[in-house]
Amino acid sequence: MNEVDFIRMQIDAEQQHASEVLEWCRESAARIAAAGQIDKDNAYFIRSCIQYLAAFLRRDGARHEAHGGCVRALAAQATTTELPSVLARVNAVAAGAGAVAQELERMAAPAPIAPRTLERGLRLCAQHLSERTELGQTLHKLCARHYVIADWRRIAGVDADGILEERRAHGELLARAAALGLPARIHGQRA
């Protein structure tokens, strides 16, 4: 495995973890709604999920801002017409990540989360993940053709400490999810 493969694998793992955490958060919120009362364990778990998702979105937004820099540089030297539209999409995803992260960070404050606020925040997060995935397919082709290893390093923001922190945070949520009876997911499938 080369360095680019490793970077892409880590970014993909973080995306899968974020999708899994989002699903756990939705399921936990549904349990609270079905019970008609706030369960302390589920409420704490939801807050932890929101914090994880906000941190993921901050990293993801920074990655897309870095992509924007690389795409701008390519657009300046290329004659293709696809790059300006890709750049606009990259900028929109980066801005969206920041806006959704900010919304989730407000929700992670110690005050109780209103159900509609939670639902809106989770819907925005799911929408961002979907837009990110769609753009990722376009960026993958562009990156494969034009990016060099220095571009990948700058975009990824992947280092040993960051990997360990993300895995620790996801592992804690995985353990809490199991304690609450929420299923783990492997590549989008229930385990």
Protein backbone atom coordinates (compact mmCIF):
# COMPACT_ATOMS: atom_id res chain seq x y z
CA MET A 1 0.00 0.00 0.00
CA ASN A 2 1.42 3.40 -0.93
CA GLU A 3 0.94 6.66 0.97
CA VAL A 4 -1.93 7.90 -1.20
CA ASP A 5 -3.78 4.62 -0.68
CA PHE A 6 -3.26 4.94 3.08
CA ILE A 7 -4.54 8.55 3.11
CA ARG A 8 -7.61 7.64 1.05
CA MET A 9 -8.29 4.62 3.25
CA GLN A 10 -8.20 6.81 6.38
CA ILE A 11 -10.49 9.44 4.87
CA ASP A 12 -12.92 6.70 3.77
CA ALA A 13 -12.85 5.15 7.25
CA GLU A 14 -13.69 8.50 8.83
CA GLN A 15 -16.61 8.94 6.39
CA GLN A 16 -17.92 5.47 7.27
CA HIS A 17 -17.54 6.18 10.98
CA ALA A 18 -19.41 9.49 10.63
CA SER A 19 -22.25 7.74 8.77
CA GLU A 20 -22.40 5.08 11.48
CA VAL A 21 -22.43 7.68 14.29
CA LEU A 22 -25.16 9.63 12.51
CA GLU A 23 -27.29 6.49 12.30
CA TRP A 24 -26.74 5.69 15.99
CA CYS A 25 -27.72 9.24 16.89
CA ARG A 26 -30.92 8.95 14.85
CA GLU A 27 -31.80 5.59 16.40
CA SER A 28 -31.14 6.86 19.91
CA ALA A 29 -33.30 9.95 19.27
CA ALA A 30 -36.07 7.71 17.92
CA ARG A 31 -35.96 5.68 21.13
CA ILE A 32 -36.36 8.83 23.21
CA ALA A 33 -39.28 9.96 21.03
CA ALA A 34 -40.96 6.53 21.26
CA ALA A 35 -40.60 6.47 25.05
CA GLY A 36 -42.00 9.97 25.33
CA GLN A 37 -39.37 10.91 27.88
CA ILE A 38 -35.70 11.71 27.94
CA ASP A 39 -33.53 8.79 28.95
CA LYS A 40 -30.29 10.06 30.52
CA ASP A 41 -28.07 7.43 28.85
CA ASN A 42 -29.50 8.04 25.38
CA ALA A 43 -29.38 11.82 25.84
CA TYR A 44 -25.70 11.65 26.86
CA PHE A 45 -24.97 9.35 23.94
CA ILE A 46 -26.68 11.72 21.50
CA ARG A 47 -24.61 14.64 22.79
CA SER A 48 -21.42 12.57 22.37
CA CYS A 49 -22.45 11.63 18.83
CA ILE A 50 -23.10 15.27 17.99
CA GLN A 51 -19.65 16.24 19.28
CA TYR A 52 -18.05 13.52 17.17
CA LEU A 53 -19.96 14.59 14.06
CA ALA A 54 -19.07 18.26 14.59
CA ALA A 55 -15.36 17.36 14.84
CA PHE A 56 -15.63 15.23 11.69
CA LEU A 57 -17.30 18.09 9.82
CA ARG A 58 -14.56 20.52 10.89
CA ARG A 59 -11.89 18.15 9.50
CA ASP A 60 -13.94 17.54 6.37
CA GLY A 61 -14.47 21.25 5.79
CA ALA A 62 -10.73 21.88 6.12
CA ARG A 63 -10.05 19.09 3.63
CA HIS A 64 -12.45 20.60 1.12
CA GLU A 65 -10.91 24.05 1.58
CA ALA A 66 -7.54 22.47 0.79
CA HIS A 67 -9.08 20.75 -2.25
CA GLY A 68 -10.29 24.19 -3.32
CA GLY A 69 -6.71 25.48 -3.28
CA CYS A 70 -5.51 22.58 -5.42
CA VAL A 71 -8.41 22.90 -7.86
CA ARG A 72 -7.84 26.67 -8.17
CA ALA A 73 -4.18 26.00 -9.01
CA LEU A 74 -5.19 23.41 -11.61
CA ALA A 75 -7.83 25.74 -13.08
CA ALA A 76 -5.23 28.48 -13.52
CA GLN A 77 -3.09 26.23 -15.72
CA ALA A 78 -5.73 24.09 -17.44
CA THR A 79 -7.90 24.68 -20.47
CA THR A 80 -10.70 22.36 -19.36
CA THR A 81 -14.05 23.88 -18.50
CA GLU A 82 -14.92 21.34 -15.80
CA LEU A 83 -12.67 22.84 -13.12
CA PRO A 84 -14.66 26.03 -12.34
CA SER A 85 -17.81 23.99 -11.65
CA VAL A 86 -15.83 21.51 -9.54
CA LEU A 87 -14.31 24.42 -7.62
CA ALA A 88 -17.77 25.88 -6.97
CA ARG A 89 -18.96 22.51 -5.63
CA VAL A 90 -15.84 22.09 -3.47
CA ASN A 91 -16.34 25.57 -2.00
CA ALA A 92 -20.02 24.86 -1.33
CA VAL A 93 -19.23 21.57 0.44
CA ALA A 94 -16.50 23.23 2.53
CA ALA A 95 -18.86 26.05 3.56
CA GLY A 96 -21.65 23.57 4.23
CA ALA A 97 -19.41 21.49 6.47
CA GLY A 98 -18.53 24.56 8.52
CA ALA A 99 -22.16 25.66 8.83
CA VAL A 100 -23.40 22.22 9.87
CA ALA A 101 -20.50 21.80 12.32
CA GLN A 102 -21.41 25.14 13.89
CA GLU A 103 -25.05 24.09 14.19
CA LEU A 104 -24.05 20.80 15.83
CA GLU A 105 -21.63 22.54 18.19
CA ARG A 106 -24.48 24.75 19.42
CA MET A 107 -26.55 21.61 20.00
CA ALA A 108 -23.71 19.99 21.96
CA ALA A 109 -23.95 22.70 24.65
CA PRO A 110 -25.10 21.50 28.09
CA ALA A 111 -28.70 22.75 27.61
CA PRO A 112 -31.37 20.19 26.59
CA ILE A 113 -31.73 19.68 22.85
CA ALA A 114 -35.20 20.32 21.45
CA PRO A 115 -36.35 17.36 19.32
CA ARG A 116 -36.95 19.54 16.24
CA THR A 117 -33.51 21.13 16.60
CA LEU A 118 -31.93 17.68 16.82
CA GLU A 119 -33.90 16.44 13.83
CA ARG A 120 -32.88 19.48 11.77
CA GLY A 121 -29.19 19.13 12.75
CA LEU A 122 -29.12 15.43 11.88
CA ARG A 123 -30.91 16.08 8.58
CA LEU A 124 -28.34 18.76 7.68
CA CYS A 125 -25.50 16.41 8.61
CA ALA A 126 -26.96 13.61 6.45
CA GLN A 127 -27.39 16.05 3.56
CA HIS A 128 -23.76 17.14 3.88
CA LEU A 129 -22.54 13.53 3.91
CA SER A 130 -24.56 12.85 0.76
CA GLU A 131 -23.22 15.95 -1.03
CA ARG A 132 -19.71 15.07 0.09
CA THR A 133 -20.05 11.55 -1.32
CA GLU A 134 -21.33 12.83 -4.68
CA LEU A 135 -18.49 15.36 -4.93
CA GLY A 136 -16.00 12.72 -3.82
CA GLN A 137 -16.61 10.72 -6.98
CA THR A 138 -15.75 13.74 -9.13
CA LEU A 139 -12.75 14.65 -6.98
CA HIS A 140 -11.45 11.08 -7.08
CA LYS A 141 -11.14 11.23 -10.87
CA LEU A 142 -9.58 14.69 -10.74
CA CYS A 143 -7.13 13.74 -7.99
CA ALA A 144 -6.06 10.57 -9.77
CA ARG A 145 -5.21 12.57 -12.90
CA HIS A 146 -3.63 15.70 -11.42
CA TYR A 147 -2.66 15.50 -7.73
CA VAL A 148 0.84 14.72 -6.56
CA ILE A 149 1.70 13.34 -3.13
CA ALA A 150 2.23 16.84 -1.70
CA ASP A 151 -1.36 17.73 -2.69
CA TRP A 152 -2.67 14.62 -0.96
CA ARG A 153 -0.74 15.39 2.23
CA ARG A 154 -1.99 18.98 2.31
CA ILE A 155 -5.60 17.99 1.67
CA ALA A 156 -5.83 15.03 4.00
CA GLY A 157 -4.59 16.54 7.22
CA VAL A 158 -3.97 12.94 8.26
CA ASP A 159 -1.29 12.33 10.84
CA ALA A 160 -0.70 9.68 13.50
CA ASP A 161 -2.16 11.76 16.34
CA GLY A 162 -5.27 12.59 14.33
CA ILE A 163 -5.81 8.96 13.36
CA LEU A 164 -5.45 7.81 16.95
CA GLU A 165 -7.81 10.50 18.24
CA GLU A 166 -10.47 9.70 15.64
CA ARG A 167 -10.24 5.98 16.34
CA ARG A 168 -10.38 6.57 20.11
CA ALA A 169 -13.46 8.79 19.79
CA HIS A 170 -15.20 6.33 17.46
CA GLY A 171 -14.24 3.38 19.68
CA GLU A 172 -15.79 5.07 22.73
CA LEU A 173 -19.01 5.67 20.80
CA LEU A 174 -18.94 2.08 19.53
CA ALA A 175 -18.74 0.81 23.12
CA ARG A 176 -21.57 3.12 24.25
CA ALA A 177 -23.68 2.10 21.26
CA ALA A 178 -23.21 -1.57 22.13
CA ALA A 179 -24.18 -0.87 25.76
CA LEU A 180 -27.38 0.79 24.50
CA GLY A 181 -28.11 -2.13 22.16
CA LEU A 182 -27.44 -0.16 18.99
CA PRO A 183 -25.95 -2.25 16.18
CA ALA A 184 -22.49 -1.67 14.80
CA ARG A 185 -22.28 -1.24 11.07
CA ILE A 186 -19.64 -2.56 8.74
CA HIS A 187 -19.42 -0.69 5.43
CA GLY A 188 -23.03 0.49 5.73
CA GLN A 189 -24.42 -2.91 6.70
CA ARG A 190 -25.60 -3.96 10.13
CA ALA A 191 -23.03 -6.19 11.78
